[in-house]
Amino acid sequence: MEFAIGGIGVAALIFGIVEAAKGFGVKGNGSKALSLGLGFFFVGLAHGISEGLIPAQYVPYIVWVVTSLAGGLAASGYYDFIKKLTNSA
């Protein structure tokens, strides 16, 4: 079963958030707990949207926040990638 919010895969979103948190010092059991909590939240949110449990008037705002979060994670990933390229040269 694949869960997505606004076309953003929930698993990829969780992975990105946990990896970003590791950059801020979250490690070990903290990253496991974070991924568990995020999984519970985002999968529950995606399921609620797909089953109509969340009122339709809130869905565009949820999609907006999730898409913005994914964009921020992508931007930080590009930043880290460029930083690694310039530091290794």
PDB file of N, CA and C in Angstrom:
ATOM      1  N   MET A   1       0.846  -1.165   0.000  1.00  0.00           N
ATOM      2  CA  MET A   1       0.000   0.000   0.000  1.00  0.00           C
ATOM      3  C   MET A   1       0.897   1.236   0.000  1.00  0.00           C
ATOM      4  N   GLU A   2       0.697   2.102  -0.973  1.00  0.00           N
ATOM      5  CA  GLU A   2       1.491   3.321  -1.104  1.00  0.00           C
ATOM      6  C   GLU A   2       0.680   4.517  -0.619  1.00  0.00           C
ATOM      7  N   PHE A   3       1.246   5.255   0.300  1.00  0.00           N
ATOM      8  CA  PHE A   3       0.582   6.450   0.799  1.00  0.00           C
ATOM      9  C   PHE A   3       1.301   7.680   0.263  1.00  0.00           C
ATOM     10  N   ALA A   4       0.529   8.646  -0.179  1.00  0.00           N
ATOM     11  CA  ALA A   4       1.087   9.904  -0.677  1.00  0.00           C
ATOM     12  C   ALA A   4       0.143  11.039  -0.294  1.00  0.00           C
ATOM     13  N   ILE A   5       0.731  12.202  -0.125  1.00  0.00           N
ATOM     14  CA  ILE A   5      -0.038  13.411   0.150  1.00  0.00           C
ATOM     15  C   ILE A   5       0.402  14.428  -0.886  1.00  0.00           C
ATOM     16  N   GLY A   6      -0.522  14.835  -1.733  1.00  0.00           N
ATOM     17  CA  GLY A   6      -0.188  15.787  -2.776  1.00  0.00           C
ATOM     18  C   GLY A   6       0.867  15.272  -3.732  1.00  0.00           C
ATOM     19  N   GLY A   7       0.896  13.979  -3.961  1.00  0.00           N
ATOM     20  CA  GLY A   7       1.883  13.388  -4.856  1.00  0.00           C
ATOM     21  C   GLY A   7       3.227  13.136  -4.198  1.00  0.00           C
ATOM     22  N   ILE A   8       3.368  13.505  -2.948  1.00  0.00           N
ATOM     23  CA  ILE A   8       4.621  13.301  -2.219  1.00  0.00           C
ATOM     24  C   ILE A   8       4.520  11.984  -1.467  1.00  0.00           C
ATOM     25  N   GLY A   9       5.418  11.044  -1.755  1.00  0.00           N
ATOM     26  CA  GLY A   9       5.423   9.761  -1.060  1.00  0.00           C
ATOM     27  C   GLY A   9       5.749   9.951   0.409  1.00  0.00           C
ATOM     28  N   VAL A  10       4.920   9.398   1.264  1.00  0.00           N
ATOM     29  CA  VAL A  10       5.097   9.560   2.712  1.00  0.00           C
ATOM     30  C   VAL A  10       6.424   8.944   3.172  1.00  0.00           C
ATOM     31  N   ALA A  11       6.794   7.789   2.637  1.00  0.00           N
ATOM     32  CA  ALA A  11       8.050   7.142   3.046  1.00  0.00           C
ATOM     33  C   ALA A  11       9.243   8.029   2.707  1.00  0.00           C
ATOM     34  N   ALA A  12       9.246   8.623   1.518  1.00  0.00           N
ATOM     35  CA  ALA A  12      10.340   9.509   1.118  1.00  0.00           C
ATOM     36  C   ALA A  12      10.375  10.758   1.997  1.00  0.00           C
ATOM     37  N   LEU A  13       9.211  11.272   2.343  1.00  0.00           N
ATOM     38  CA  LEU A  13       9.127  12.444   3.200  1.00  0.00           C
ATOM     39  C   LEU A  13       9.702  12.153   4.585  1.00  0.00           C
ATOM     40  N   ILE A  14       9.324  11.020   5.149  1.00  0.00           N
ATOM     41  CA  ILE A  14       9.828  10.639   6.476  1.00  0.00           C
ATOM     42  C   ILE A  14      11.336  10.459   6.441  1.00  0.00           C
ATOM     43  N   PHE A  15      11.822   9.778   5.405  1.00  0.00           N
ATOM     44  CA  PHE A  15      13.266   9.581   5.265  1.00  0.00           C
ATOM     45  C   PHE A  15      13.988  10.921   5.214  1.00  0.00           C
ATOM     46  N   GLY A  16      13.461  11.847   4.416  1.00  0.00           N
ATOM     47  CA  GLY A  16      14.088  13.160   4.293  1.00  0.00           C
ATOM     48  C   GLY A  16      14.106  13.935   5.598  1.00  0.00           C
ATOM     49  N   ILE A  17      13.024  13.884   6.334  1.00  0.00           N
ATOM     50  CA  ILE A  17      12.955  14.608   7.611  1.00  0.00           C
ATOM     51  C   ILE A  17      13.940  14.006   8.617  1.00  0.00           C
ATOM     52  N   VAL A  18      13.984  12.681   8.689  1.00  0.00           N
ATOM     53  CA  VAL A  18      14.901  12.024   9.639  1.00  0.00           C
ATOM     54  C   VAL A  18      16.350  12.321   9.265  1.00  0.00           C
ATOM     55  N   GLU A  19      16.675  12.271   7.972  1.00  0.00           N
ATOM     56  CA  GLU A  19      18.040  12.582   7.547  1.00  0.00           C
ATOM     57  C   GLU A  19      18.398  14.035   7.867  1.00  0.00           C
ATOM     58  N   ALA A  20      17.454  14.940   7.672  1.00  0.00           N
ATOM     59  CA  ALA A  20      17.697  16.341   8.019  1.00  0.00           C
ATOM     60  C   ALA A  20      17.903  16.490   9.526  1.00  0.00           C
ATOM     61  N   ALA A  21      17.116  15.776  10.319  1.00  0.00           N
ATOM     62  CA  ALA A  21      17.252  15.835  11.780  1.00  0.00           C
ATOM     63  C   ALA A  21      18.610  15.307  12.230  1.00  0.00           C
ATOM     64  N   LYS A  22      19.130  14.304  11.524  1.00  0.00           N
ATOM     65  CA  LYS A  22      20.461  13.781  11.854  1.00  0.00           C
ATOM     66  C   LYS A  22      21.518  14.856  11.687  1.00  0.00           C
ATOM     67  N   GLY A  23      21.314  15.749  10.724  1.00  0.00           N
ATOM     68  CA  GLY A  23      22.229  16.862  10.531  1.00  0.00           C
ATOM     69  C   GLY A  23      22.215  17.844  11.692  1.00  0.00           C
ATOM     70  N   PHE A  24      21.149  17.812  12.473  1.00  0.00           N
ATOM     71  CA  PHE A  24      21.038  18.668  13.652  1.00  0.00           C
ATOM     72  C   PHE A  24      21.400  17.920  14.940  1.00  0.00           C
ATOM     73  N   GLY A  25      21.916  16.684  14.804  1.00  0.00           N
ATOM     74  CA  GLY A  25      22.401  15.960  15.961  1.00  0.00           C
ATOM     75  C   GLY A  25      21.522  14.836  16.470  1.00  0.00           C
ATOM     76  N   VAL A  26      20.384  14.588  15.856  1.00  0.00           N
ATOM     77  CA  VAL A  26      19.533  13.467  16.276  1.00  0.00           C
ATOM     78  C   VAL A  26      20.201  12.183  15.805  1.00  0.00           C
ATOM     79  N   LYS A  27      20.354  11.214  16.705  1.00  0.00           N
ATOM     80  CA  LYS A  27      21.012   9.964  16.312  1.00  0.00           C
ATOM     81  C   LYS A  27      20.503   8.803  17.146  1.00  0.00           C
ATOM     82  N   GLY A  28      20.851   7.610  16.734  1.00  0.00           N
ATOM     83  CA  GLY A  28      20.511   6.400  17.481  1.00  0.00           C
ATOM     84  C   GLY A  28      19.028   6.217  17.677  1.00  0.00           C
ATOM     85  N   ASN A  29      18.646   5.982  18.933  1.00  0.00           N
ATOM     86  CA  ASN A  29      17.248   5.744  19.255  1.00  0.00           C
ATOM     87  C   ASN A  29      16.374   6.977  19.011  1.00  0.00           C
ATOM     88  N   GLY A  30      16.977   8.150  19.059  1.00  0.00           N
ATOM     89  CA  GLY A  30      16.223   9.372  18.767  1.00  0.00           C
ATOM     90  C   GLY A  30      15.723   9.394  17.330  1.00  0.00           C
ATOM     91  N   SER A  31      16.577   8.956  16.393  1.00  0.00           N
ATOM     92  CA  SER A  31      16.148   8.932  14.997  1.00  0.00           C
ATOM     93  C   SER A  31      15.121   7.830  14.759  1.00  0.00           C
ATOM     94  N   LYS A  32      15.231   6.740  15.485  1.00  0.00           N
ATOM     95  CA  LYS A  32      14.224   5.673  15.371  1.00  0.00           C
ATOM     96  C   LYS A  32      12.879   6.150  15.909  1.00  0.00           C
ATOM     97  N   ALA A  33      12.906   6.817  17.047  1.00  0.00           N
ATOM     98  CA  ALA A  33      11.663   7.341  17.629  1.00  0.00           C
ATOM     99  C   ALA A  33      11.050   8.403  16.729  1.00  0.00           C
ATOM    100  N   LEU A  34      11.894   9.245  16.154  1.00  0.00           N
ATOM    101  CA  LEU A  34      11.404  10.274  15.245  1.00  0.00           C
ATOM    102  C   LEU A  34      10.741   9.644  14.030  1.00  0.00           C
ATOM    103  N   SER A  35      11.374   8.639  13.439  1.00  0.00           N
ATOM    104  CA  SER A  35      10.789   7.997  12.259  1.00  0.00           C
ATOM    105  C   SER A  35       9.487   7.283  12.606  1.00  0.00           C
ATOM    106  N   LEU A  36       9.413   6.684  13.772  1.00  0.00           N
ATOM    107  CA  LEU A  36       8.175   6.029  14.201  1.00  0.00           C
ATOM    108  C   LEU A  36       7.048   7.054  14.373  1.00  0.00           C
ATOM    109  N   GLY A  37       7.342   8.150  15.046  1.00  0.00           N
ATOM    110  CA  GLY A  37       6.335   9.193  15.252  1.00  0.00           C
ATOM    111  C   GLY A  37       5.898   9.835  13.951  1.00  0.00           C
ATOM    112  N   LEU A  38       6.865  10.126  13.084  1.00  0.00           N
ATOM    113  CA  LEU A  38       6.524  10.716  11.785  1.00  0.00           C
ATOM    114  C   LEU A  38       5.724   9.747  10.928  1.00  0.00           C
ATOM    115  N   GLY A  39       6.092   8.477  10.979  1.00  0.00           N
ATOM    116  CA  GLY A  39       5.347   7.466  10.228  1.00  0.00           C
ATOM    117  C   GLY A  39       3.902   7.395  10.694  1.00  0.00           C
ATOM    118  N   PHE A  40       3.720   7.357  11.990  1.00  0.00           N
ATOM    119  CA  PHE A  40       2.376   7.329  12.556  1.00  0.00           C
ATOM    120  C   PHE A  40       1.585   8.548  12.099  1.00  0.00           C
ATOM    121  N   PHE A  41       2.210   9.721  12.163  1.00  0.00           N
ATOM    122  CA  PHE A  41       1.522  10.959  11.815  1.00  0.00           C
ATOM    123  C   PHE A  41       1.197  11.035  10.319  1.00  0.00           C
ATOM    124  N   PHE A  42       2.206  10.889   9.461  1.00  0.00           N
ATOM    125  CA  PHE A  42       1.998  11.089   8.026  1.00  0.00           C
ATOM    126  C   PHE A  42       1.192   9.971   7.375  1.00  0.00           C
ATOM    127  N   VAL A  43       1.392   8.727   7.803  1.00  0.00           N
ATOM    128  CA  VAL A  43       0.569   7.637   7.248  1.00  0.00           C
ATOM    129  C   VAL A  43      -0.879   7.810   7.713  1.00  0.00           C
ATOM    130  N   GLY A  44      -1.058   8.190   8.964  1.00  0.00           N
ATOM    131  CA  GLY A  44      -2.411   8.454   9.461  1.00  0.00           C
ATOM    132  C   GLY A  44      -3.063   9.606   8.717  1.00  0.00           C
ATOM    133  N   LEU A  45      -2.293  10.634   8.424  1.00  0.00           N
ATOM    134  CA  LEU A  45      -2.805  11.779   7.679  1.00  0.00           C
ATOM    135  C   LEU A  45      -3.189  11.369   6.255  1.00  0.00           C
ATOM    136  N   ALA A  46      -2.320  10.634   5.585  1.00  0.00           N
ATOM    137  CA  ALA A  46      -2.605  10.173   4.219  1.00  0.00           C
ATOM    138  C   ALA A  46      -3.828   9.260   4.190  1.00  0.00           C
ATOM    139  N   HIS A  47      -3.911   8.375   5.175  1.00  0.00           N
ATOM    140  CA  HIS A  47      -5.064   7.478   5.248  1.00  0.00           C
ATOM    141  C   HIS A  47      -6.346   8.272   5.502  1.00  0.00           C
ATOM    142  N   GLY A  48      -6.270   9.235   6.398  1.00  0.00           N
ATOM    143  CA  GLY A  48      -7.434  10.071   6.689  1.00  0.00           C
ATOM    144  C   GLY A  48      -7.914  10.839   5.474  1.00  0.00           C
ATOM    145  N   ILE A  49      -6.970  11.318   4.658  1.00  0.00           N
ATOM    146  CA  ILE A  49      -7.341  12.033   3.435  1.00  0.00           C
ATOM    147  C   ILE A  49      -7.983  11.073   2.446  1.00  0.00           C
ATOM    148  N   SER A  50      -7.341   9.917   2.223  1.00  0.00           N
ATOM    149  CA  SER A  50      -7.847   8.978   1.208  1.00  0.00           C
ATOM    150  C   SER A  50      -9.197   8.378   1.583  1.00  0.00           C
ATOM    151  N   GLU A  51      -9.486   8.244   2.863  1.00  0.00           N
ATOM    152  CA  GLU A  51     -10.753   7.666   3.306  1.00  0.00           C
ATOM    153  C   GLU A  51     -11.827   8.717   3.588  1.00  0.00           C
ATOM    154  N   GLY A  52     -11.488   9.970   3.375  1.00  0.00           N
ATOM    155  CA  GLY A  52     -12.464  11.032   3.601  1.00  0.00           C
ATOM    156  C   GLY A  52     -12.716  11.326   5.070  1.00  0.00           C
ATOM    157  N   LEU A  53     -11.797  10.937   5.940  1.00  0.00           N
ATOM    158  CA  LEU A  53     -11.958  11.178   7.376  1.00  0.00           C
ATOM    159  C   LEU A  53     -11.593  12.609   7.767  1.00  0.00           C
ATOM    160  N   ILE A  54     -10.830  13.261   6.919  1.00  0.00           N
ATOM    161  CA  ILE A  54     -10.451  14.650   7.148  1.00  0.00           C
ATOM    162  C   ILE A  54     -11.345  15.503   6.260  1.00  0.00           C
ATOM    163  N   PRO A  55     -12.002  16.504   6.813  1.00  0.00           N
ATOM    164  CA  PRO A  55     -12.900  17.343   6.008  1.00  0.00           C
ATOM    165  C   PRO A  55     -12.191  17.928   4.783  1.00  0.00           C
ATOM    166  N   ALA A  56     -12.880  17.925   3.667  1.00  0.00           N
ATOM    167  CA  ALA A  56     -12.309  18.330   2.382  1.00  0.00           C
ATOM    168  C   ALA A  56     -11.751  19.754   2.405  1.00  0.00           C
ATOM    169  N   GLN A  57     -12.317  20.632   3.199  1.00  0.00           N
ATOM    170  CA  GLN A  57     -11.838  22.011   3.204  1.00  0.00           C
ATOM    171  C   GLN A  57     -10.434  22.139   3.796  1.00  0.00           C
ATOM    172  N   TYR A  58      -9.970  21.132   4.564  1.00  0.00           N
ATOM    173  CA  TYR A  58      -8.628  21.173   5.145  1.00  0.00           C
ATOM    174  C   TYR A  58      -7.570  20.551   4.248  1.00  0.00           C
ATOM    175  N   VAL A  59      -7.980  19.717   3.324  1.00  0.00           N
ATOM    176  CA  VAL A  59      -7.030  18.958   2.493  1.00  0.00           C
ATOM    177  C   VAL A  59      -6.102  19.864   1.692  1.00  0.00           C
ATOM    178  N   PRO A  60      -6.582  20.934   1.038  1.00  0.00           N
ATOM    179  CA  PRO A  60      -5.626  21.780   0.295  1.00  0.00           C
ATOM    180  C   PRO A  60      -4.527  22.374   1.180  1.00  0.00           C
ATOM    181  N   TYR A  61      -4.858  22.692   2.411  1.00  0.00           N
ATOM    182  CA  TYR A  61      -3.859  23.259   3.326  1.00  0.00           C
ATOM    183  C   TYR A  61      -2.851  22.202   3.771  1.00  0.00           C
ATOM    184  N   ILE A  62      -3.329  20.988   3.984  1.00  0.00           N
ATOM    185  CA  ILE A  62      -2.433  19.887   4.340  1.00  0.00           C
ATOM    186  C   ILE A  62      -1.479  19.612   3.185  1.00  0.00           C
ATOM    187  N   VAL A  63      -2.014  19.565   1.968  1.00  0.00           N
ATOM    188  CA  VAL A  63      -1.181  19.337   0.786  1.00  0.00           C
ATOM    189  C   VAL A  63      -0.167  20.474   0.639  1.00  0.00           C
ATOM    190  N   TRP A  64      -0.589  21.691   0.885  1.00  0.00           N
ATOM    191  CA  TRP A  64       0.299  22.850   0.805  1.00  0.00           C
ATOM    192  C   TRP A  64       1.472  22.707   1.780  1.00  0.00           C
ATOM    193  N   VAL A  65       1.189  22.355   3.026  1.00  0.00           N
ATOM    194  CA  VAL A  65       2.241  22.216   4.029  1.00  0.00           C
ATOM    195  C   VAL A  65       3.183  21.066   3.676  1.00  0.00           C
ATOM    196  N   VAL A  66       2.629  19.927   3.279  1.00  0.00           N
ATOM    197  CA  VAL A  66       3.465  18.765   2.956  1.00  0.00           C
ATOM    198  C   VAL A  66       4.333  19.043   1.733  1.00  0.00           C
ATOM    199  N   THR A  67       3.763  19.669   0.716  1.00  0.00           N
ATOM    200  CA  THR A  67       4.536  19.997  -0.485  1.00  0.00           C
ATOM    201  C   THR A  67       5.636  21.010  -0.165  1.00  0.00           C
ATOM    202  N   SER A  68       5.340  21.986   0.664  1.00  0.00           N
ATOM    203  CA  SER A  68       6.346  22.967   1.074  1.00  0.00           C
ATOM    204  C   SER A  68       7.460  22.305   1.869  1.00  0.00           C
ATOM    205  N   LEU A  69       7.093  21.389   2.742  1.00  0.00           N
ATOM    206  CA  LEU A  69       8.088  20.650   3.520  1.00  0.00           C
ATOM    207  C   LEU A  69       8.998  19.845   2.596  1.00  0.00           C
ATOM    208  N   ALA A  70       8.416  19.174   1.617  1.00  0.00           N
ATOM    209  CA  ALA A  70       9.206  18.398   0.660  1.00  0.00           C
ATOM    210  C   ALA A  70      10.126  19.312  -0.145  1.00  0.00           C
ATOM    211  N   GLY A  71       9.635  20.480  -0.517  1.00  0.00           N
ATOM    212  CA  GLY A  71      10.473  21.434  -1.236  1.00  0.00           C
ATOM    213  C   GLY A  71      11.647  21.910  -0.395  1.00  0.00           C
ATOM    214  N   GLY A  72      11.393  22.175   0.865  1.00  0.00           N
ATOM    215  CA  GLY A  72      12.473  22.574   1.769  1.00  0.00           C
ATOM    216  C   GLY A  72      13.500  21.484   1.957  1.00  0.00           C
ATOM    217  N   LEU A  73      13.040  20.254   2.070  1.00  0.00           N
ATOM    218  CA  LEU A  73      13.965  19.133   2.200  1.00  0.00           C
ATOM    219  C   LEU A  73      14.795  18.957   0.937  1.00  0.00           C
ATOM    220  N   ALA A  74      14.164  19.121  -0.211  1.00  0.00           N
ATOM    221  CA  ALA A  74      14.892  19.006  -1.471  1.00  0.00           C
ATOM    222  C   ALA A  74      15.953  20.101  -1.574  1.00  0.00           C
ATOM    223  N   ALA A  75      15.573  21.320  -1.198  1.00  0.00           N
ATOM    224  CA  ALA A  75      16.520  22.430  -1.258  1.00  0.00           C
ATOM    225  C   ALA A  75      17.702  22.191  -0.324  1.00  0.00           C
ATOM    226  N   SER A  76      17.442  21.681   0.880  1.00  0.00           N
ATOM    227  CA  SER A  76      18.542  21.418   1.808  1.00  0.00           C
ATOM    228  C   SER A  76      19.405  20.277   1.298  1.00  0.00           C
ATOM    229  N   GLY A  77      18.797  19.323   0.599  1.00  0.00           N
ATOM    230  CA  GLY A  77      19.574  18.231   0.012  1.00  0.00           C
ATOM    231  C   GLY A  77      20.511  18.730  -1.070  1.00  0.00           C
ATOM    232  N   TYR A  78      20.019  19.666  -1.901  1.00  0.00           N
ATOM    233  CA  TYR A  78      20.882  20.260  -2.923  1.00  0.00           C
ATOM    234  C   TYR A  78      22.011  21.042  -2.275  1.00  0.00           C
ATOM    235  N   TYR A  79      21.696  21.749  -1.202  1.00  0.00           N
ATOM    236  CA  TYR A  79      22.715  22.511  -0.488  1.00  0.00           C
ATOM    237  C   TYR A  79      23.812  21.580   0.024  1.00  0.00           C
ATOM    238  N   ASP A  80      23.410  20.468   0.659  1.00  0.00           N
ATOM    239  CA  ASP A  80      24.395  19.512   1.172  1.00  0.00           C
ATOM    240  C   ASP A  80      25.209  18.897   0.039  1.00  0.00           C
ATOM    241  N   PHE A  81      24.555  18.604  -1.086  1.00  0.00           N
ATOM    242  CA  PHE A  81      25.248  18.007  -2.223  1.00  0.00           C
ATOM    243  C   PHE A  81      26.304  18.971  -2.773  1.00  0.00           C
ATOM    244  N   ILE A  82      25.930  20.220  -2.960  1.00  0.00           N
ATOM    245  CA  ILE A  82      26.883  21.226  -3.471  1.00  0.00           C
ATOM    246  C   ILE A  82      28.003  21.439  -2.465  1.00  0.00           C
ATOM    247  N   LYS A  83      27.669  21.456  -1.194  1.00  0.00           N
ATOM    248  CA  LYS A  83      28.682  21.644  -0.148  1.00  0.00           C
ATOM    249  C   LYS A  83      29.700  20.505  -0.182  1.00  0.00           C
ATOM    250  N   LYS A  84      29.224  19.259  -0.348  1.00  0.00           N
ATOM    251  CA  LYS A  84      30.150  18.119  -0.443  1.00  0.00           C
ATOM    252  C   LYS A  84      31.024  18.219  -1.687  1.00  0.00           C
ATOM    253  N   LEU A  85      30.443  18.658  -2.800  1.00  0.00           N
ATOM    254  CA  LEU A  85      31.218  18.794  -4.041  1.00  0.00           C
ATOM    255  C   LEU A  85      32.311  19.846  -3.901  1.00  0.00           C
ATOM    256  N   THR A  86      31.981  20.974  -3.302  1.00  0.00           N
ATOM    257  CA  THR A  86      32.955  22.054  -3.195  1.00  0.00           C
ATOM    258  C   THR A  86      34.016  21.776  -2.129  1.00  0.00           C
ATOM    259  N   ASN A  87      33.671  21.017  -1.104  1.00  0.00           N
ATOM    260  CA  ASN A  87      34.646  20.681  -0.078  1.00  0.00           C
ATOM    261  C   ASN A  87      35.614  19.595  -0.521  1.00  0.00           C
ATOM    262  N   SER A  88      35.182  18.744  -1.444  1.00  0.00           N
ATOM    263  CA  SER A  88      36.056  17.640  -1.878  1.00  0.00           C
ATOM    264  C   SER A  88      36.998  18.076  -2.988  1.00  0.00           C
ATOM    265  N   ALA A  89      36.761  19.251  -3.569  1.00  0.00           N
ATOM    266  CA  ALA A  89      37.615  19.709  -4.684  1.00  0.00           C
ATOM    267  C   ALA A  89      38.877  20.372  -4.196  1.00  0.00           C
TER     268      ALA A  89
END
